[in-house]
Structures are given as structure tokens and as C-alpha cells.
Amino acid sequence: MAGESDHQASTGEAARRTKGGRTEYFDNEAEEGSDSDDDDNRYDYRTLAKILETVPKLTSCNYYSWSTLIKANLRVVPHATRHLEGTYDRSHPKWNRTFDNALVDVLHSTLDTEGEYNVLYLLLDISKNHLTFHQVSKKIERSLTSEAARTSRWIALLAQLNEAKMFHADVHKLIQEIRVMQTETSLLSWA
């Protein structure tokens, strides 16, 4: 009694009931999304840049928040987190050079190359060699979270604090001089 109504869906098929009560079978493998090789072709540089436009530029002071936002925003892109984690490397069958290069280029665009806390030195260091997305992200992480980087940031913060203290002392002296001048002026106006 095995008829059409007893048809079992294979692993690549799914069933749905139509309005007429019939069961319709269709192939759903193409709809699974993240395992499709064509997904990488949909995400070019412009699309990835649009996804990451809300991420603030990386400076020497905001690595942890920048990294968290990069990872959170790339979760919507199939295969991107696997490229980031290094699961997909050059020897992996799903690794796509064009997609990886687009990810690297978008990551470069999120680096702050101007201003007081710029990381231009990182961009110059990364650009020398052709690195994968995973290698670039690890190099940035090591550079900004190393003991030497933390020490140099502490030294910079101490220098800024010292400048602020000196500015405060200068302002305090200036206020005292203004008060002395006001006192002298008021004494001269009484005389």
C-alpha cells in the first residue's frame, strides 16, 4: 500500500501541504544558506563595508569594543566568522580567496589612520605581506593587546595626566595673578 501519499522525503527534500490537501515535495538544499558556495559571491567589498559602517574606527585605545562589534556584525555574513576564526584557511575546500580579500580590505577600512590614537603603523605592517583575514585579525590583536602595547598606553596616559596637572597648575597661577591684578586695580581706584 505504498502510494504517492506515503512518499518519504529524502535528506535533501522537504514536504509541505498545499491548500488542496496534497503533499508537495521540493529540494531545500539550496535554501540552507550558510553552506552554499554562492553566498560568498554576494558579499563583495561594498556589501561588507555597508555591514561594517556602524563599527567605529580602530584606534590604539578601543581594540576590545572594536573587536566585539566586528565579530557581531560579521555574524550575519555566511562563512565570515569561519574565516575570522581560521577554520577556513587556504587549504580548506570552502576557502574563497576573493571573499577573504574583501574581508581583509574591509578590515583595513575600519582602521583609524589619522588622529592622535591612529594605528597607521599596523596598517603598514599588515600591508607588507599578503595575509588571510584570520592572520590579519590575529596580528592586530597581538599588536594591541601585548604587554608592550599596554605599557606604552600607560606611559602615554601618564604623560597626558602630567600635562593636565601642569596645565592645572598654570591655570591656578594665572588665576592668582588675575586676582592680584584685580586687588591692585581696586586699591588704585580707592586712592
C-alpha atoms as a PDB file:
ATOM      1  CA  MET A   1       0.000   0.000   0.000  1.00  0.00           C
ATOM      2  CA  ALA A   2       2.832   2.310  -0.631  1.00  0.00           C
ATOM      3  CA  GLY A   3       1.495   5.076  -2.805  1.00  0.00           C
ATOM      4  CA  GLU A   4       2.315   8.662  -3.521  1.00  0.00           C
ATOM      5  CA  SER A   5       0.909   9.761  -0.163  1.00  0.00           C
ATOM      6  CA  ASP A   6       3.428   7.543   1.659  1.00  0.00           C
ATOM      7  CA  HIS A   7       6.398   9.080  -0.140  1.00  0.00           C
ATOM      8  CA  GLN A   8       9.225   9.728   2.352  1.00  0.00           C
ATOM      9  CA  ALA A   9      11.306  12.848   1.887  1.00  0.00           C
ATOM     10  CA  SER A  10      14.978  12.210   1.330  1.00  0.00           C
ATOM     11  CA  THR A  11      17.610  14.178   3.249  1.00  0.00           C
ATOM     12  CA  GLY A  12      17.617  16.903   0.616  1.00  0.00           C
ATOM     13  CA  GLU A  13      13.847  17.126   0.287  1.00  0.00           C
ATOM     14  CA  ALA A  14      11.200  18.724   2.431  1.00  0.00           C
ATOM     15  CA  ALA A  15       7.440  18.382   2.306  1.00  0.00           C
ATOM     16  CA  ARG A  16       4.653  20.895   2.648  1.00  0.00           C
ATOM     17  CA  ARG A  17       0.917  20.597   2.393  1.00  0.00           C
ATOM     18  CA  THR A  18      -0.831  22.576  -0.291  1.00  0.00           C
ATOM     19  CA  LYS A  19      -4.317  24.076   0.073  1.00  0.00           C
ATOM     20  CA  GLY A  20      -5.814  21.147  -1.788  1.00  0.00           C
ATOM     21  CA  GLY A  21      -4.516  18.699   0.818  1.00  0.00           C
ATOM     22  CA  ARG A  22      -1.798  17.280  -1.417  1.00  0.00           C
ATOM     23  CA  THR A  23       1.732  16.910  -0.142  1.00  0.00           C
ATOM     24  CA  GLU A  24       4.275  18.670  -2.297  1.00  0.00           C
ATOM     25  CA  TYR A  25       7.960  17.737  -2.162  1.00  0.00           C
ATOM     26  CA  PHE A  26      10.735  20.152  -3.001  1.00  0.00           C
ATOM     27  CA  ASP A  27      14.508  20.282  -2.736  1.00  0.00           C
ATOM     28  CA  ASN A  28      15.596  22.540   0.137  1.00  0.00           C
ATOM     29  CA  GLU A  29      19.369  22.109  -0.056  1.00  0.00           C
ATOM     30  CA  ALA A  30      19.781  25.362  -1.980  1.00  0.00           C
ATOM     31  CA  GLU A  31      17.816  27.202   0.713  1.00  0.00           C
ATOM     32  CA  GLU A  32      20.093  26.248   3.607  1.00  0.00           C
ATOM     33  CA  GLY A  33      22.046  29.466   3.131  1.00  0.00           C
ATOM     34  CA  SER A  34      25.329  29.273   5.016  1.00  0.00           C
ATOM     35  CA  ASP A  35      26.560  26.098   3.307  1.00  0.00           C
ATOM     36  CA  SER A  36      26.014  27.427  -0.189  1.00  0.00           C
ATOM     37  CA  ASP A  37      29.192  28.327  -2.048  1.00  0.00           C
ATOM     38  CA  ASP A  38      27.407  31.151  -3.885  1.00  0.00           C
ATOM     39  CA  ASP A  39      26.907  33.097  -0.640  1.00  0.00           C
ATOM     40  CA  ASP A  40      30.477  34.376  -0.736  1.00  0.00           C
ATOM     41  CA  ASN A  41      29.872  35.873  -4.178  1.00  0.00           C
ATOM     42  CA  ARG A  42      27.025  38.014  -2.804  1.00  0.00           C
ATOM     43  CA  TYR A  43      29.342  39.677  -0.306  1.00  0.00           C
ATOM     44  CA  ASP A  44      31.762  41.927  -2.143  1.00  0.00           C
ATOM     45  CA  TYR A  45      33.721  44.817  -0.643  1.00  0.00           C
ATOM     46  CA  ARG A  46      30.843  47.319  -0.881  1.00  0.00           C
ATOM     47  CA  THR A  47      28.348  44.987   0.766  1.00  0.00           C
ATOM     48  CA  LEU A  48      30.746  44.127   3.578  1.00  0.00           C
ATOM     49  CA  ALA A  49      31.633  47.814   4.028  1.00  0.00           C
ATOM     50  CA  LYS A  50      27.923  48.623   4.327  1.00  0.00           C
ATOM     51  CA  ILE A  51      27.552  45.952   7.028  1.00  0.00           C
ATOM     52  CA  LEU A  52      30.549  47.301   8.963  1.00  0.00           C
ATOM     53  CA  GLU A  53      29.795  51.023   8.551  1.00  0.00           C
ATOM     54  CA  THR A  54      28.442  51.226  12.115  1.00  0.00           C
ATOM     55  CA  VAL A  55      31.742  49.996  13.562  1.00  0.00           C
ATOM     56  CA  PRO A  56      33.884  52.877  14.875  1.00  0.00           C
ATOM     57  CA  LYS A  57      37.415  53.209  13.554  1.00  0.00           C
ATOM     58  CA  LEU A  58      40.016  51.165  15.417  1.00  0.00           C
ATOM     59  CA  THR A  59      42.370  53.278  17.498  1.00  0.00           C
ATOM     60  CA  SER A  60      45.060  52.277  19.928  1.00  0.00           C
ATOM     61  CA  CYS A  61      42.527  52.740  22.757  1.00  0.00           C
ATOM     62  CA  ASN A  62      39.391  50.878  21.647  1.00  0.00           C
ATOM     63  CA  TYR A  63      40.510  47.401  20.484  1.00  0.00           C
ATOM     64  CA  TYR A  64      38.132  45.380  22.671  1.00  0.00           C
ATOM     65  CA  SER A  65      34.954  47.250  21.730  1.00  0.00           C
ATOM     66  CA  TRP A  66      36.032  47.370  18.066  1.00  0.00           C
ATOM     67  CA  SER A  67      36.727  43.630  18.024  1.00  0.00           C
ATOM     68  CA  THR A  68      33.376  42.826  19.621  1.00  0.00           C
ATOM     69  CA  LEU A  69      31.497  44.963  17.086  1.00  0.00           C
ATOM     70  CA  ILE A  70      33.401  43.443  14.145  1.00  0.00           C
ATOM     71  CA  LYS A  71      32.532  39.915  15.302  1.00  0.00           C
ATOM     72  CA  ALA A  72      28.905  40.822  15.993  1.00  0.00           C
ATOM     73  CA  ASN A  73      28.397  42.476  12.605  1.00  0.00           C
ATOM     74  CA  LEU A  74      30.131  39.688  10.669  1.00  0.00           C
ATOM     75  CA  ARG A  75      27.840  37.033  12.174  1.00  0.00           C
ATOM     76  CA  VAL A  76      25.236  37.909   9.529  1.00  0.00           C
ATOM     77  CA  VAL A  77      27.686  37.076   6.736  1.00  0.00           C
ATOM     78  CA  PRO A  78      27.929  33.356   5.935  1.00  0.00           C
ATOM     79  CA  HIS A  79      31.455  31.936   6.329  1.00  0.00           C
ATOM     80  CA  ALA A  80      32.883  35.237   7.646  1.00  0.00           C
ATOM     81  CA  THR A  81      33.248  34.031  11.223  1.00  0.00           C
ATOM     82  CA  ARG A  82      34.901  30.857   9.989  1.00  0.00           C
ATOM     83  CA  HIS A  83      37.402  32.966   8.046  1.00  0.00           C
ATOM     84  CA  LEU A  84      37.928  35.117  11.152  1.00  0.00           C
ATOM     85  CA  GLU A  85      38.473  32.125  13.439  1.00  0.00           C
ATOM     86  CA  GLY A  86      40.845  30.470  10.977  1.00  0.00           C
ATOM     87  CA  THR A  87      38.583  27.459  10.386  1.00  0.00           C
ATOM     88  CA  TYR A  88      38.666  28.235   6.683  1.00  0.00           C
ATOM     89  CA  ASP A  89      42.282  28.624   5.656  1.00  0.00           C
ATOM     90  CA  ARG A  90      43.905  28.382   2.243  1.00  0.00           C
ATOM     91  CA  SER A  91      43.818  24.572   2.290  1.00  0.00           C
ATOM     92  CA  HIS A  92      40.123  24.311   3.225  1.00  0.00           C
ATOM     93  CA  PRO A  93      37.811  23.425   0.292  1.00  0.00           C
ATOM     94  CA  LYS A  94      35.319  26.184   1.204  1.00  0.00           C
ATOM     95  CA  TRP A  95      38.001  28.884   1.421  1.00  0.00           C
ATOM     96  CA  ASN A  96      37.419  31.623  -1.147  1.00  0.00           C
ATOM     97  CA  ARG A  97      40.322  33.966  -1.963  1.00  0.00           C
ATOM     98  CA  THR A  98      38.122  36.758  -3.336  1.00  0.00           C
ATOM     99  CA  PHE A  99      35.863  36.720  -0.278  1.00  0.00           C
ATOM    100  CA  ASP A 100      38.852  36.585   2.092  1.00  0.00           C
ATOM    101  CA  ASN A 101      40.498  39.526   0.301  1.00  0.00           C
ATOM    102  CA  ALA A 102      37.251  41.519   0.550  1.00  0.00           C
ATOM    103  CA  LEU A 103      37.131  40.799   4.293  1.00  0.00           C
ATOM    104  CA  VAL A 104      40.758  41.933   4.702  1.00  0.00           C
ATOM    105  CA  ASP A 105      40.122  45.122   2.717  1.00  0.00           C
ATOM    106  CA  VAL A 106      37.037  45.973   4.774  1.00  0.00           C
ATOM    107  CA  LEU A 107      39.008  45.349   7.951  1.00  0.00           C
ATOM    108  CA  HIS A 108      41.685  47.755   6.661  1.00  0.00           C
ATOM    109  CA  SER A 109      38.991  50.380   6.106  1.00  0.00           C
ATOM    110  CA  THR A 110      37.997  50.213   9.787  1.00  0.00           C
ATOM    111  CA  LEU A 111      41.479  51.214  10.983  1.00  0.00           C
ATOM    112  CA  ASP A 112      41.985  54.828  12.054  1.00  0.00           C
ATOM    113  CA  THR A 113      44.974  56.214  10.149  1.00  0.00           C
ATOM    114  CA  GLU A 114      44.633  59.813  11.309  1.00  0.00           C
ATOM    115  CA  GLY A 115      44.382  61.468  14.670  1.00  0.00           C
ATOM    116  CA  GLU A 116      46.125  61.163  17.989  1.00  0.00           C
ATOM    117  CA  TYR A 117      45.466  57.446  18.571  1.00  0.00           C
ATOM    118  CA  ASN A 118      45.845  56.199  14.995  1.00  0.00           C
ATOM    119  CA  VAL A 119      47.038  52.714  14.135  1.00  0.00           C
ATOM    120  CA  LEU A 120      48.681  53.538  10.818  1.00  0.00           C
ATOM    121  CA  TYR A 121      51.728  51.530  11.870  1.00  0.00           C
ATOM    122  CA  LEU A 122      49.510  48.411  11.979  1.00  0.00           C
ATOM    123  CA  LEU A 123      48.174  49.034   8.505  1.00  0.00           C
ATOM    124  CA  LEU A 124      51.691  49.459   7.148  1.00  0.00           C
ATOM    125  CA  ASP A 125      52.819  46.275   8.901  1.00  0.00           C
ATOM    126  CA  ILE A 126      49.834  44.248   7.677  1.00  0.00           C
ATOM    127  CA  SER A 127      50.010  45.533   4.099  1.00  0.00           C
ATOM    128  CA  LYS A 128      53.581  44.322   3.588  1.00  0.00           C
ATOM    129  CA  ASN A 129      52.544  40.664   3.257  1.00  0.00           C
ATOM    130  CA  HIS A 130      49.522  39.018   1.718  1.00  0.00           C
ATOM    131  CA  LEU A 131      47.789  37.692   4.820  1.00  0.00           C
ATOM    132  CA  THR A 132      44.471  35.931   5.258  1.00  0.00           C
ATOM    133  CA  PHE A 133      41.637  37.530   7.198  1.00  0.00           C
ATOM    134  CA  HIS A 134      42.427  35.336  10.209  1.00  0.00           C
ATOM    135  CA  GLN A 135      46.133  36.258  10.115  1.00  0.00           C
ATOM    136  CA  VAL A 136      45.345  39.977   9.864  1.00  0.00           C
ATOM    137  CA  SER A 137      42.905  39.883  12.782  1.00  0.00           C
ATOM    138  CA  LYS A 138      45.374  37.922  14.940  1.00  0.00           C
ATOM    139  CA  LYS A 139      48.191  40.337  14.092  1.00  0.00           C
ATOM    140  CA  ILE A 140      46.008  43.302  15.102  1.00  0.00           C
ATOM    141  CA  GLU A 141      45.012  41.533  18.318  1.00  0.00           C
ATOM    142  CA  ARG A 142      48.608  40.685  19.241  1.00  0.00           C
ATOM    143  CA  SER A 143      49.789  44.206  18.456  1.00  0.00           C
ATOM    144  CA  LEU A 144      47.141  45.987  20.507  1.00  0.00           C
ATOM    145  CA  THR A 145      46.858  43.578  23.438  1.00  0.00           C
ATOM    146  CA  SER A 146      50.531  42.795  24.011  1.00  0.00           C
ATOM    147  CA  GLU A 147      52.299  43.780  27.215  1.00  0.00           C
ATOM    148  CA  ALA A 148      54.441  46.324  25.352  1.00  0.00           C
ATOM    149  CA  ALA A 149      51.358  47.992  23.857  1.00  0.00           C
ATOM    150  CA  ARG A 150      49.665  48.173  27.250  1.00  0.00           C
ATOM    151  CA  THR A 151      52.813  49.622  28.821  1.00  0.00           C
ATOM    152  CA  SER A 152      53.146  52.225  26.093  1.00  0.00           C
ATOM    153  CA  ARG A 153      49.467  53.211  26.515  1.00  0.00           C
ATOM    154  CA  TRP A 154      50.022  53.570  30.284  1.00  0.00           C
ATOM    155  CA  ILE A 155      53.052  55.763  29.638  1.00  0.00           C
ATOM    156  CA  ALA A 156      51.034  57.880  27.203  1.00  0.00           C
ATOM    157  CA  LEU A 157      48.207  58.199  29.742  1.00  0.00           C
ATOM    158  CA  LEU A 158      50.667  59.200  32.468  1.00  0.00           C
ATOM    159  CA  ALA A 159      52.185  61.807  30.144  1.00  0.00           C
ATOM    160  CA  GLN A 160      48.702  63.179  29.418  1.00  0.00           C
ATOM    161  CA  LEU A 161      47.931  63.238  33.126  1.00  0.00           C
ATOM    162  CA  ASN A 162      51.170  65.112  33.769  1.00  0.00           C
ATOM    163  CA  GLU A 163      50.288  67.625  31.037  1.00  0.00           C
ATOM    164  CA  ALA A 164      46.850  68.090  32.606  1.00  0.00           C
ATOM    165  CA  LYS A 165      48.398  68.650  36.029  1.00  0.00           C
ATOM    166  CA  MET A 166      50.847  71.190  34.595  1.00  0.00           C
ATOM    167  CA  PHE A 167      48.002  72.925  32.763  1.00  0.00           C
ATOM    168  CA  HIS A 168      46.003  72.978  36.007  1.00  0.00           C
ATOM    169  CA  ALA A 169      48.991  74.467  37.865  1.00  0.00           C
ATOM    170  CA  ASP A 170      49.452  77.090  35.123  1.00  0.00           C
ATOM    171  CA  VAL A 171      45.753  77.967  35.246  1.00  0.00           C
ATOM    172  CA  HIS A 172      45.913  78.188  39.043  1.00  0.00           C
ATOM    173  CA  LYS A 173      48.912  80.586  38.781  1.00  0.00           C
ATOM    174  CA  LEU A 174      47.099  82.647  36.165  1.00  0.00           C
ATOM    175  CA  ILE A 175      44.006  82.908  38.379  1.00  0.00           C
ATOM    176  CA  GLN A 176      46.179  84.068  41.283  1.00  0.00           C
ATOM    177  CA  GLU A 177      47.841  86.692  39.062  1.00  0.00           C
ATOM    178  CA  ILE A 178      44.430  87.931  37.891  1.00  0.00           C
ATOM    179  CA  ARG A 179      43.236  88.223  41.497  1.00  0.00           C
ATOM    180  CA  VAL A 180      46.393  90.150  42.457  1.00  0.00           C
ATOM    181  CA  MET A 181      45.851  92.487  39.496  1.00  0.00           C
ATOM    182  CA  GLN A 182      42.186  92.946  40.474  1.00  0.00           C
ATOM    183  CA  THR A 183      43.216  93.739  44.047  1.00  0.00           C
ATOM    184  CA  GLU A 184      45.845  96.228  42.859  1.00  0.00           C
ATOM    185  CA  THR A 185      43.341  97.830  40.493  1.00  0.00           C
ATOM    186  CA  SER A 186      40.719  98.159  43.203  1.00  0.00           C
ATOM    187  CA  LEU A 187      43.320  99.639  45.589  1.00  0.00           C
ATOM    188  CA  LEU A 188      44.419 102.141  42.946  1.00  0.00           C
ATOM    189  CA  SER A 189      40.825 103.142  42.257  1.00  0.00           C
ATOM    190  CA  TRP A 190      40.337 103.914  46.007  1.00  0.00           C
ATOM    191  CA  ALA A 191      43.382 106.040  46.157  1.00  0.00           C
END
